[in-house]
Amino acid sequence: MLGDLYQAFGPRLFYFLIGAPIFIFVLSKIYLLRKRGMRNGLKKPPGPKGWPLIGNLLDMPTSNQYLTYMDWGKKYGDVVGVDICGRPILILNSRQAIHDLLIKRSAIYSNRPRMELLNTWGRWDWTLVLMQGSEEMHRQRRMLGQCLNKGMIPRYHAAIQREALDFCLRLAKTPENYKELIDHMSGANIMMITYGHKVKEEADENVERVHDVFSEFIKLGNAGSHIVDFFPALSALPSWVFGLDFAKTMKRLASLMDSSLIDPYFQGIREIESGVAKSPSMLHTLLDAYTQDDGSVEHERSIQAATGVAYLGIALIAGGDTTMITICTFLLAMMLYPEAQRNARAEIDALLKNERLPTFEVRGSEVPAIRRSHDERSFQPTAPLAVAHQSTEDDVYNGMFIPAGTTIFPNTWACLQNEDDFPEPDVFKPERYLDGVTLKEGSVLAKEFAFGYGRRVCSGKHLADAIVWMNLSLLLAAFDISLPTDKLGNPIMPDLNYEYGATTVHPKPFQCKISLRSEKHGELLRASLNASEGADRSN
């Protein structure tokens, strides 16, 4: 139909006929939004002065948003308000503001803004991460809670430890491929724990699909920043209106999201029926809970979505991607702060006597070195901005009016740069948390900021925490990590300017010298993996 109009009227009149109603709609929408936000006697949150009609549209940063937001916080305060074409946005730059609104008042600050671009054109509407409040959202959270609550994680310890040992042995052979090996380990954990699927030695289509989704996702820039997200009615237009490349990206992303929901789920079903799938897994747990006497599966679509979220959403936001970044950042820290590495190793050796490797059984013992290194995430946090929240009711905070429908950006980066909580935040300083072997009273742990806030905290936080802990523990115990040198023996320094992606910041590629501490440590790794695989075969 639009093509016929284009042929009938020519390009100029065609774009006028399309553009004029949109322009009128936008103006009326802005007017109504601004009028709704006015309250007598209440001030708006302070922020940069905007322009008529468009508000702060031209002020919004296109990259490294967290840095601009932190600068605004220094100028206007911990709570900063901006306006994009009549839509209110609130930026929270302090731990106190995040706690007061997203945690203490979570009943009205736990919605998500509808990201029209991803939900309508990208087919992300089934993912819990971006889902607005609904019965389906609560059902998926209950399902994920059944499988990933803190008490359930020990069921996955054997699989996590097995993949960590396998990763370390591969790393000992080809340390220059550390990124690919971390990626393989992360994908193997996610697929085994979600579906009971053992990934292939090389390329596995399920792991590759996650990479493909992420590759298409980052082409879209900052999530929630497209004009369609601000004016959802524009989603009625064909996607090619915004460019052919854009349309191809959305088509490809939608196809990948459809296959992410369906393909690994039914592959998991087939592997369970054939006896190939390993147990325990999320899929086993949910099928056992929801299969009826007649063989039908209650809420099967929700089970597909919950496992799909664990596979894709957690893999991107709290599993594979952040595991990769966290371990790479740890390698950087060990290279740049060798004294911290020596201190950590001395404590581990004192406990394990070079006769065994760390296991989950020693996690609760007095090994401050592992705990310190694991908790130290103020040094280059992986996700400087948490996923946006949205208020569902009008509210007043410290005399400032916050209208319903306000989009809220929690600025994790600003919180972790607060020197009252994290002295010398840009320094890898794990001892900041401990007084000897005990946690300092009143310590604020950086990892508490890593998984979101309030009722929308990531369901996979305990799983991601366990995966990272085991891998960092083995790296500390079994390897020497140091700066590489050039032909003249000069250290090759890494570039610490991280790159901002769609939801995370990534270290730039760097060289790293990684080697086993001794042949005995290699033997311990091989023996531990053989024992783990033997136990797995006997189950």
Protein backbone atom coordinates (compact mmCIF):
# COMPACT_ATOMS: atom_id res chain seq x y z
CA MET A 1 0.00 0.00 0.00
CA LEU A 2 2.76 2.47 0.91
CA GLY A 3 4.55 1.57 -2.31
CA ASP A 4 1.41 2.43 -4.29
CA LEU A 5 1.15 5.82 -2.56
CA TYR A 6 4.81 6.49 -3.30
CA GLN A 7 4.25 5.79 -7.02
CA ALA A 8 1.05 7.84 -7.12
CA PHE A 9 2.24 11.01 -5.38
CA GLY A 10 5.99 11.06 -5.92
CA PRO A 11 8.64 11.22 -3.20
CA ARG A 12 8.07 14.75 -1.88
CA LEU A 13 4.31 14.55 -1.43
CA PHE A 14 4.61 10.97 -0.19
CA TYR A 15 6.98 11.93 2.62
CA PHE A 16 4.81 14.96 3.46
CA LEU A 17 1.71 12.77 3.72
CA ILE A 18 3.59 10.33 5.94
CA GLY A 19 5.53 12.91 7.94
CA ALA A 20 2.84 15.50 8.68
CA PRO A 21 0.57 13.21 10.73
CA ILE A 22 3.59 11.84 12.59
CA PHE A 23 4.78 15.37 13.38
CA ILE A 24 1.35 16.39 14.64
CA PHE A 25 1.12 13.22 16.71
CA VAL A 26 4.54 13.82 18.23
CA LEU A 27 3.70 17.42 19.17
CA SER A 28 0.42 16.42 20.81
CA LYS A 29 2.12 13.56 22.65
CA ILE A 30 4.82 15.89 23.99
CA TYR A 31 2.21 18.39 25.14
CA LEU A 32 0.18 15.76 26.99
CA LEU A 33 3.26 14.26 28.61
CA ARG A 34 4.52 17.63 29.80
CA LYS A 35 1.09 18.62 31.13
CA ARG A 36 0.77 15.35 33.06
CA GLY A 37 4.14 15.96 34.71
CA MET A 38 3.21 19.27 36.29
CA ARG A 39 2.36 19.36 40.01
CA ASN A 40 1.82 22.49 42.07
CA GLY A 41 4.39 23.03 44.80
CA LEU A 42 6.69 20.21 43.69
CA LYS A 43 9.94 20.64 41.86
CA LYS A 44 11.29 18.54 39.06
CA PRO A 45 14.54 16.65 39.57
CA PRO A 46 17.43 18.98 38.60
CA GLY A 47 19.24 18.45 35.33
CA PRO A 48 20.56 20.09 32.18
CA LYS A 49 18.25 22.66 30.65
CA GLY A 50 16.48 21.36 27.57
CA TRP A 51 15.10 22.83 24.38
CA PRO A 52 11.45 23.50 23.57
CA LEU A 53 9.58 20.40 22.38
CA ILE A 54 12.59 18.09 22.17
CA GLY A 55 13.78 18.63 25.75
CA ASN A 56 17.23 17.12 26.34
CA LEU A 57 17.27 15.04 23.16
CA LEU A 58 20.46 16.75 21.94
CA ASP A 59 22.14 16.40 25.34
CA MET A 60 21.89 12.64 25.52
CA PRO A 61 25.27 10.92 24.97
CA THR A 62 25.63 8.36 22.20
CA SER A 63 28.44 6.44 23.93
CA ASN A 64 29.87 6.05 27.44
CA GLN A 65 26.59 7.29 28.86
CA TYR A 66 27.57 6.35 32.40
CA LEU A 67 30.43 8.88 32.32
CA THR A 68 28.18 11.73 31.17
CA TYR A 69 25.56 10.77 33.76
CA MET A 70 28.21 10.77 36.49
CA ASP A 71 29.37 14.23 35.39
CA TRP A 72 25.77 15.43 35.56
CA GLY A 73 25.56 13.96 39.05
CA LYS A 74 28.54 16.03 40.19
CA LYS A 75 26.82 19.15 38.86
CA TYR A 76 23.16 18.57 39.70
CA GLY A 77 23.16 15.96 42.48
CA ASP A 78 22.68 12.24 42.92
CA VAL A 79 19.26 12.33 41.26
CA VAL A 80 19.25 13.91 37.79
CA GLY A 81 16.16 14.51 35.68
CA VAL A 82 16.07 14.91 31.92
CA ASP A 83 13.28 15.08 29.38
CA ILE A 84 13.23 13.49 25.92
CA CYS A 85 10.37 14.88 23.85
CA GLY A 86 8.12 14.97 26.90
CA ARG A 87 9.18 11.61 28.32
CA PRO A 88 10.75 11.92 31.79
CA ILE A 89 14.02 10.13 32.55
CA LEU A 90 15.64 9.83 35.98
CA ILE A 91 19.31 9.00 36.51
CA LEU A 92 20.36 7.64 39.90
CA ASN A 93 24.02 8.28 40.65
CA SER A 94 24.30 7.04 44.23
CA ARG A 95 23.84 3.89 46.26
CA GLN A 96 21.45 5.73 48.57
CA ALA A 97 19.13 6.89 45.78
CA ILE A 98 19.08 3.42 44.21
CA HIS A 99 18.30 1.86 47.59
CA ASP A 100 15.58 4.38 48.42
CA LEU A 101 13.71 4.03 45.12
CA LEU A 102 14.48 0.69 43.48
CA ILE A 103 14.68 -1.37 46.66
CA LYS A 104 12.64 0.31 49.41
CA ARG A 105 9.94 1.43 46.96
CA SER A 106 10.31 -1.54 44.61
CA ALA A 107 6.52 -2.01 44.45
CA ILE A 108 6.27 0.98 42.10
CA TYR A 109 9.77 1.01 40.58
CA SER A 110 10.08 -2.53 39.21
CA ASN A 111 8.53 -2.19 35.78
CA ARG A 112 10.54 -2.05 32.58
CA PRO A 113 10.07 0.64 29.93
CA ARG A 114 8.67 -1.01 26.83
CA MET A 115 11.52 -1.11 24.38
CA GLU A 116 9.38 -1.10 21.27
CA LEU A 117 12.23 -1.68 18.87
CA LEU A 118 13.38 -4.94 20.46
CA ASN A 119 9.96 -6.19 21.53
CA THR A 120 8.04 -5.55 18.30
CA TRP A 121 10.61 -5.86 15.54
CA GLY A 122 13.30 -7.86 17.32
CA ARG A 123 10.94 -10.45 18.89
CA TRP A 124 12.38 -9.96 22.38
CA ASP A 125 8.87 -9.79 23.83
CA TRP A 126 9.19 -13.24 25.45
CA THR A 127 12.35 -12.42 27.41
CA LEU A 128 11.99 -11.76 31.12
CA VAL A 129 14.84 -9.26 31.06
CA LEU A 130 12.79 -6.71 29.10
CA MET A 131 9.28 -7.85 30.04
CA GLN A 132 6.88 -5.42 31.68
CA GLY A 133 4.81 -6.42 34.70
CA SER A 134 2.41 -9.27 33.87
CA GLU A 135 1.36 -12.73 34.98
CA GLU A 136 3.76 -14.20 32.44
CA MET A 137 6.63 -12.20 33.94
CA HIS A 138 5.85 -13.47 37.44
CA ARG A 139 5.48 -17.06 36.19
CA GLN A 140 8.87 -16.95 34.49
CA ARG A 141 10.50 -15.49 37.61
CA ARG A 142 8.97 -18.28 39.71
CA MET A 143 10.32 -20.88 37.29
CA LEU A 144 13.79 -19.36 37.27
CA GLY A 145 13.63 -19.13 41.06
CA GLN A 146 12.80 -22.84 41.23
CA CYS A 147 15.96 -23.66 39.31
CA LEU A 148 18.44 -20.91 40.16
CA ASN A 149 17.80 -19.92 43.77
CA LYS A 150 20.81 -20.04 46.09
CA GLY A 151 19.84 -23.41 47.51
CA MET A 152 19.70 -25.03 44.07
CA ILE A 153 23.17 -23.95 42.90
CA PRO A 154 25.04 -26.80 44.70
CA ARG A 155 23.26 -29.19 42.32
CA TYR A 156 25.29 -27.64 39.51
CA HIS A 157 28.63 -27.51 41.34
CA ALA A 158 29.94 -30.70 39.74
CA ALA A 159 29.24 -29.42 36.22
CA ILE A 160 30.72 -25.99 36.97
CA GLN A 161 33.88 -27.51 38.45
CA ARG A 162 34.25 -29.95 35.56
CA GLU A 163 34.05 -27.16 32.96
CA ALA A 164 36.48 -25.00 34.97
CA LEU A 165 39.03 -27.83 35.13
CA ASP A 166 38.62 -28.47 31.41
CA PHE A 167 39.09 -24.76 30.72
CA CYS A 168 42.31 -24.67 32.77
CA LEU A 169 43.80 -27.68 30.96
CA ARG A 170 42.98 -26.14 27.60
CA LEU A 171 44.46 -22.86 28.81
CA ALA A 172 47.70 -24.61 29.80
CA LYS A 173 48.06 -25.88 26.21
CA THR A 174 47.12 -22.72 24.32
CA PRO A 175 47.22 -19.71 26.69
CA GLU A 176 47.18 -17.29 23.76
CA ASN A 177 43.60 -18.43 23.04
CA TYR A 178 42.34 -17.44 26.49
CA LYS A 179 39.32 -15.51 25.15
CA GLU A 180 38.08 -18.37 22.98
CA LEU A 181 38.58 -20.80 25.86
CA ILE A 182 36.67 -18.62 28.33
CA ASP A 183 33.89 -18.35 25.77
CA HIS A 184 33.78 -22.13 25.32
CA MET A 185 33.68 -22.68 29.09
CA SER A 186 30.85 -20.14 29.54
CA GLY A 187 28.76 -21.64 26.75
CA ALA A 188 29.34 -25.17 28.04
CA ASN A 189 28.12 -24.18 31.52
CA ILE A 190 25.00 -22.45 30.26
CA MET A 191 23.98 -25.30 27.94
CA MET A 192 24.67 -28.05 30.47
CA ILE A 193 22.88 -26.31 33.35
CA THR A 194 19.93 -25.13 31.26
CA TYR A 195 19.24 -28.11 29.00
CA GLY A 196 21.63 -30.88 30.10
CA HIS A 197 23.35 -30.51 26.71
CA LYS A 198 27.08 -31.12 26.37
CA VAL A 199 28.51 -28.69 23.81
CA LYS A 200 30.65 -29.90 20.96
CA GLU A 201 34.42 -29.70 21.15
CA GLU A 202 34.63 -26.95 18.57
CA ALA A 203 31.74 -24.88 17.21
CA ASP A 204 28.37 -25.64 18.78
CA GLU A 205 25.34 -24.18 17.03
CA ASN A 206 23.72 -23.20 20.32
CA VAL A 207 26.75 -21.22 21.47
CA GLU A 208 27.16 -19.69 18.01
CA ARG A 209 23.54 -18.55 18.10
CA VAL A 210 24.21 -16.52 21.25
CA HIS A 211 27.16 -14.87 19.49
CA ASP A 212 24.98 -14.09 16.48
CA VAL A 213 22.25 -12.53 18.64
CA PHE A 214 24.80 -10.37 20.41
CA SER A 215 26.42 -9.33 17.11
CA GLU A 216 23.07 -8.14 15.73
CA PHE A 217 22.09 -6.59 19.06
CA ILE A 218 25.12 -4.29 19.28
CA LYS A 219 24.44 -2.96 15.77
CA LEU A 220 21.36 -1.24 17.23
CA GLY A 221 23.41 0.93 19.59
CA ASN A 222 22.13 1.73 23.06
CA ALA A 223 19.12 -0.33 24.03
CA GLY A 224 16.00 1.84 24.33
CA SER A 225 17.46 4.84 22.51
CA HIS A 226 15.81 4.47 19.07
CA ILE A 227 13.08 6.97 18.11
CA VAL A 228 10.60 4.08 17.96
CA ASP A 229 11.20 3.49 21.68
CA PHE A 230 10.16 7.06 22.44
CA PHE A 231 7.19 7.03 20.04
CA PRO A 232 5.88 3.43 19.86
CA ALA A 233 3.26 4.31 17.23
CA LEU A 234 6.10 4.53 14.72
CA SER A 235 6.49 0.76 14.96
CA ALA A 236 3.43 0.54 12.70
CA LEU A 237 5.69 1.70 9.87
CA PRO A 238 7.71 -0.86 7.93
CA SER A 239 11.24 -1.20 9.30
CA TRP A 240 12.80 -0.23 5.94
CA VAL A 241 11.66 3.36 6.59
CA PHE A 242 14.69 3.59 8.87
CA GLY A 243 17.09 2.17 6.31
CA LEU A 244 17.64 -1.11 4.49
CA ASP A 245 20.58 -2.14 6.68
CA PHE A 246 18.46 -1.49 9.76
CA ALA A 247 15.63 -3.59 8.31
CA LYS A 248 18.01 -6.48 7.59
CA THR A 249 19.38 -6.34 11.12
CA MET A 250 15.90 -6.46 12.63
CA LYS A 251 14.84 -9.35 10.38
CA ARG A 252 17.96 -11.31 11.28
CA LEU A 253 17.55 -10.57 15.00
CA ALA A 254 13.88 -11.60 14.98
CA SER A 255 14.77 -14.90 13.29
CA LEU A 256 17.52 -15.60 15.83
CA MET A 257 15.24 -14.83 18.76
CA ASP A 258 12.56 -17.18 17.43
CA SER A 259 15.10 -20.00 17.09
CA SER A 260 16.56 -19.22 20.54
CA LEU A 261 13.13 -19.80 22.06
CA ILE A 262 12.32 -23.02 20.22
CA ASP A 263 15.40 -24.89 18.93
CA PRO A 264 17.44 -25.58 22.10
CA TYR A 265 14.25 -26.42 24.00
CA PHE A 266 13.16 -29.18 21.63
CA GLN A 267 16.75 -30.36 21.25
CA GLY A 268 16.81 -30.71 25.04
CA ILE A 269 13.50 -32.64 24.97
CA ARG A 270 14.91 -35.07 22.37
CA GLU A 271 18.11 -35.57 24.36
CA ILE A 272 16.14 -36.24 27.56
CA GLU A 273 13.95 -38.80 25.76
CA SER A 274 16.99 -40.53 24.27
CA GLY A 275 18.88 -40.52 27.57
CA VAL A 276 21.68 -38.32 26.25
CA ALA A 277 20.88 -35.23 28.34
CA LYS A 278 22.68 -34.88 31.66
CA SER A 279 20.81 -34.28 34.91
CA PRO A 280 20.30 -32.11 36.88
CA SER A 281 19.31 -29.31 34.52
CA MET A 282 16.73 -26.57 34.53
CA LEU A 283 14.75 -28.34 31.83
CA HIS A 284 14.62 -31.56 33.86
CA THR A 285 13.44 -29.65 36.93
CA LEU A 286 10.69 -27.73 35.13
CA LEU A 287 9.40 -30.72 33.16
CA ASP A 288 9.21 -32.77 36.36
CA ALA A 289 7.25 -29.96 38.02
CA TYR A 290 4.79 -29.17 35.22
CA THR A 291 4.18 -32.46 33.38
CA GLN A 292 0.59 -33.63 33.96
CA ASP A 293 -0.70 -37.18 34.44
CA ASP A 294 -1.81 -37.33 30.79
CA GLY A 295 1.70 -36.42 29.60
CA SER A 296 0.89 -32.81 28.65
CA VAL A 297 3.10 -30.02 29.93
CA GLU A 298 1.38 -27.17 31.75
CA HIS A 299 2.66 -23.69 30.85
CA GLU A 300 4.99 -25.16 28.21
CA ARG A 301 5.40 -21.80 26.47
CA SER A 302 6.55 -20.30 29.78
CA ILE A 303 9.02 -23.17 30.29
CA GLN A 304 10.39 -22.54 26.80
CA ALA A 305 10.76 -18.85 27.65
CA ALA A 306 12.28 -19.41 31.11
CA THR A 307 14.90 -21.82 29.77
CA GLY A 308 15.39 -19.50 26.79
CA VAL A 309 16.05 -16.61 29.18
CA ALA A 310 18.60 -18.72 31.07
CA TYR A 311 20.22 -19.73 27.79
CA LEU A 312 20.13 -16.36 26.05
CA GLY A 313 19.30 -13.62 28.54
CA ILE A 314 21.53 -14.87 31.34
CA ALA A 315 24.22 -15.88 28.86
CA LEU A 316 24.36 -12.33 27.54
CA ILE A 317 23.69 -10.36 30.71
CA ALA A 318 24.87 -12.48 33.63
CA GLY A 319 26.58 -15.50 32.20
CA GLY A 320 28.69 -15.82 29.10
CA ASP A 321 29.34 -12.18 28.29
CA THR A 322 29.97 -10.94 31.83
CA THR A 323 31.88 -14.10 32.73
CA MET A 324 34.18 -13.37 29.80
CA ILE A 325 34.65 -9.75 30.86
CA THR A 326 35.11 -10.59 34.55
CA ILE A 327 37.78 -13.22 33.91
CA CYS A 328 39.58 -11.04 31.36
CA THR A 329 39.55 -8.16 33.84
CA PHE A 330 40.92 -10.50 36.50
CA LEU A 331 43.79 -11.49 34.16
CA LEU A 332 44.53 -7.80 33.60
CA ALA A 333 44.53 -7.17 37.34
CA MET A 334 46.89 -10.07 38.03
CA MET A 335 49.31 -8.75 35.39
CA LEU A 336 49.23 -5.20 36.67
CA TYR A 337 49.19 -5.99 40.41
CA PRO A 338 51.63 -8.90 40.89
CA GLU A 339 51.84 -8.30 44.64
CA ALA A 340 48.11 -9.05 44.96
CA GLN A 341 48.67 -12.26 43.02
CA ARG A 342 51.58 -13.32 45.26
CA ASN A 343 49.61 -12.63 48.41
CA ALA A 344 46.63 -14.58 47.14
CA ARG A 345 48.76 -17.53 46.12
CA ALA A 346 50.52 -17.66 49.48
CA GLU A 347 47.20 -17.91 51.30
CA ILE A 348 45.91 -20.61 48.95
CA ASP A 349 49.10 -22.64 49.30
CA ALA A 350 48.93 -22.38 53.08
CA LEU A 351 45.49 -24.01 52.99
CA LEU A 352 45.89 -26.54 50.15
CA LYS A 353 49.60 -27.35 50.66
CA ASN A 354 50.08 -27.72 46.87
CA GLU A 355 48.44 -31.11 47.24
CA ARG A 356 44.96 -30.32 45.97
CA LEU A 357 43.03 -27.67 44.09
CA PRO A 358 40.21 -25.37 45.25
CA THR A 359 36.75 -26.90 45.29
CA PHE A 360 33.40 -25.55 46.37
CA GLU A 361 33.96 -27.30 49.70
CA VAL A 362 36.65 -24.74 50.63
CA ARG A 363 34.55 -21.74 49.60
CA GLY A 364 33.35 -21.16 53.13
CA SER A 365 36.76 -21.69 54.73
CA GLU A 366 39.16 -18.97 55.75
CA VAL A 367 40.66 -18.22 52.34
CA PRO A 368 40.48 -14.42 52.25
CA ALA A 369 42.58 -14.29 49.07
CA ILE A 370 39.91 -15.92 46.94
CA ARG A 371 37.11 -13.98 48.59
CA ARG A 372 38.91 -10.66 48.13
CA SER A 373 39.70 -11.22 44.46
CA HIS A 374 36.17 -12.39 43.77
CA ASP A 375 34.53 -9.42 45.49
CA GLU A 376 36.82 -6.79 43.93
CA ARG A 377 34.69 -5.55 41.03
CA SER A 378 34.91 -1.80 41.44
CA PHE A 379 38.03 -2.12 39.27
CA GLN A 380 36.48 -1.96 35.77
CA PRO A 381 32.87 -3.15 36.42
CA THR A 382 31.31 -5.10 33.56
CA ALA A 383 27.93 -3.36 33.34
CA PRO A 384 28.25 0.36 34.23
CA LEU A 385 24.54 1.01 33.64
CA ALA A 386 21.93 -1.40 34.93
CA VAL A 387 18.93 -2.28 32.76
CA ALA A 388 16.41 0.56 32.98
CA HIS A 389 13.45 0.49 35.36
CA GLN A 390 10.14 2.33 35.01
CA SER A 391 7.85 3.79 37.66
CA THR A 392 4.20 2.73 37.67
CA GLU A 393 2.78 5.45 39.96
CA ASP A 394 3.35 9.13 40.62
CA ASP A 395 5.81 9.56 43.46
CA VAL A 396 7.66 12.22 45.45
CA TYR A 397 11.29 11.80 46.52
CA ASN A 398 13.09 14.45 48.58
CA GLY A 399 10.56 17.04 47.43
CA MET A 400 10.95 16.10 43.74
CA PHE A 401 7.98 14.93 41.70
CA ILE A 402 8.52 11.70 39.73
CA PRO A 403 5.57 11.00 37.40
CA ALA A 404 4.35 7.51 36.59
CA GLY A 405 6.03 6.17 33.49
CA THR A 406 9.41 7.71 34.29
CA THR A 407 12.34 5.71 32.91
CA ILE A 408 15.04 5.20 35.55
CA PHE A 409 18.71 4.52 34.78
CA PRO A 410 20.70 3.23 37.79
CA ASN A 411 24.30 4.39 37.21
CA THR A 412 26.32 1.54 38.70
CA TRP A 413 29.57 3.15 37.54
CA ALA A 414 28.94 6.28 39.63
CA CYS A 415 28.21 4.13 42.68
CA LEU A 416 31.46 2.19 42.30
CA GLN A 417 33.44 5.42 41.88
CA ASN A 418 32.24 6.74 45.25
CA GLU A 419 35.41 6.98 47.32
CA ASP A 420 33.50 6.85 50.59
CA ASP A 421 32.54 3.25 49.77
CA PHE A 422 35.51 2.35 47.54
CA PRO A 423 38.73 4.21 48.34
CA GLU A 424 40.95 4.41 45.23
CA PRO A 425 38.24 2.86 43.05
CA ASP A 426 40.42 2.67 39.93
CA VAL A 427 42.97 0.50 41.73
CA PHE A 428 42.69 -3.28 42.09
CA LYS A 429 42.69 -3.33 45.88
CA PRO A 430 40.92 -6.43 47.20
CA GLU A 431 42.21 -5.92 50.74
CA ARG A 432 39.79 -2.99 51.05
CA TYR A 433 37.13 -5.48 52.17
CA LEU A 434 38.91 -7.38 54.92
CA ASP A 435 40.40 -6.82 58.32
CA GLY A 436 42.69 -9.83 58.49
CA VAL A 437 40.46 -12.75 57.60
CA THR A 438 37.14 -11.13 58.54
CA LEU A 439 34.98 -8.79 56.52
CA LYS A 440 35.32 -5.19 57.62
CA GLU A 441 32.23 -3.94 59.40
CA GLY A 442 30.11 -1.79 57.09
CA SER A 443 31.93 -2.90 53.94
CA VAL A 444 30.05 -2.40 50.70
CA LEU A 445 30.88 -5.18 48.23
CA ALA A 446 31.19 -4.17 44.62
CA LYS A 447 29.63 -7.44 43.45
CA GLU A 448 26.35 -6.32 45.08
CA PHE A 449 26.02 -3.87 42.18
CA ALA A 450 26.66 -6.41 39.42
CA PHE A 451 23.25 -8.02 38.95
CA GLY A 452 20.65 -5.26 39.00
CA TYR A 453 18.45 -3.92 41.76
CA GLY A 454 15.25 -4.56 43.69
CA ARG A 455 12.68 -6.97 42.32
CA ARG A 456 14.38 -7.03 38.91
CA VAL A 457 17.69 -8.37 40.19
CA CYS A 458 19.05 -10.96 37.76
CA SER A 459 17.71 -14.46 38.44
CA GLY A 460 21.06 -15.95 37.42
CA LYS A 461 23.19 -14.03 39.93
CA HIS A 462 23.98 -17.04 42.14
CA LEU A 463 24.85 -19.19 39.12
CA ALA A 464 27.11 -16.55 37.58
CA ASP A 465 28.71 -15.97 40.99
CA ALA A 466 29.53 -19.67 41.36
CA ILE A 467 30.98 -19.95 37.85
CA VAL A 468 33.24 -16.94 38.33
CA TRP A 469 34.35 -18.06 41.81
CA MET A 470 35.45 -21.51 40.67
CA ASN A 471 37.35 -20.25 37.64
CA LEU A 472 39.15 -17.45 39.51
CA SER A 473 40.05 -19.88 42.28
CA LEU A 474 41.66 -22.37 39.91
CA LEU A 475 43.47 -19.63 38.00
CA LEU A 476 44.96 -18.30 41.22
CA ALA A 477 45.96 -21.74 42.46
CA ALA A 478 47.43 -23.25 39.29
CA PHE A 479 48.82 -20.47 37.08
CA ASP A 480 51.38 -17.70 36.95
CA ILE A 481 49.90 -14.64 35.24
CA SER A 482 52.23 -11.84 34.17
CA LEU A 483 52.90 -9.13 31.61
CA PRO A 484 54.35 -10.38 28.31
CA THR A 485 57.59 -8.86 27.09
CA ASP A 486 58.91 -7.77 23.71
CA LYS A 487 62.17 -8.94 22.08
CA LEU A 488 64.16 -6.50 24.25
CA GLY A 489 62.55 -7.75 27.45
CA ASN A 490 60.36 -4.69 27.95
CA PRO A 491 56.88 -5.32 29.37
CA ILE A 492 54.00 -4.97 26.90
CA MET A 493 51.39 -2.90 28.68
CA PRO A 494 47.68 -3.50 27.96
CA ASP A 495 45.29 -0.76 26.86
CA LEU A 496 42.95 -0.19 29.80
CA ASN A 497 40.46 1.96 27.87
CA TYR A 498 37.48 -0.33 27.81
CA GLU A 499 35.04 -0.35 24.89
CA TYR A 500 31.35 0.29 25.52
CA GLY A 501 28.99 -2.27 23.99
CA ALA A 502 25.21 -2.59 24.05
CA THR A 503 24.97 -3.37 27.78
CA THR A 504 28.54 -3.98 28.98
CA VAL A 505 32.06 -2.59 28.75
CA HIS A 506 34.72 -4.85 27.25
CA PRO A 507 38.50 -4.79 27.63
CA LYS A 508 40.33 -4.27 24.38
CA PRO A 509 42.30 -7.30 23.13
CA PHE A 510 45.48 -7.74 25.14
CA GLN A 511 48.44 -10.09 25.34
CA CYS A 512 48.91 -12.04 28.55
CA LYS A 513 51.59 -14.47 29.71
CA ILE A 514 49.85 -17.43 31.35
CA SER A 515 51.72 -20.56 32.40
CA LEU A 516 51.28 -23.42 34.84
CA ARG A 517 53.11 -22.86 38.10
CA SER A 518 54.61 -26.35 37.87
CA GLU A 519 54.10 -29.71 36.23
CA LYS A 520 52.58 -30.89 39.50
CA HIS A 521 49.78 -28.36 39.10
CA GLY A 522 49.13 -29.75 35.62
CA GLU A 523 48.93 -33.25 37.10
CA LEU A 524 46.51 -32.03 39.75
CA LEU A 525 44.28 -30.49 37.06
CA ARG A 526 44.30 -33.70 34.98
CA ALA A 527 43.64 -35.93 37.99
CA SER A 528 40.81 -33.71 39.21
CA LEU A 529 39.16 -33.64 35.78
CA ASN A 530 39.47 -37.41 35.39
CA ALA A 531 37.88 -37.92 38.81
CA SER A 532 35.08 -35.48 37.94
CA GLU A 533 34.34 -37.16 34.61
CA GLY A 534 34.45 -40.58 36.25
CA ALA A 535 31.91 -39.50 38.84
CA ASP A 536 29.73 -38.08 36.05
CA ARG A 537 29.79 -41.36 34.09
CA SER A 538 28.81 -43.35 37.17
CA ASN A 539 25.69 -41.22 37.76
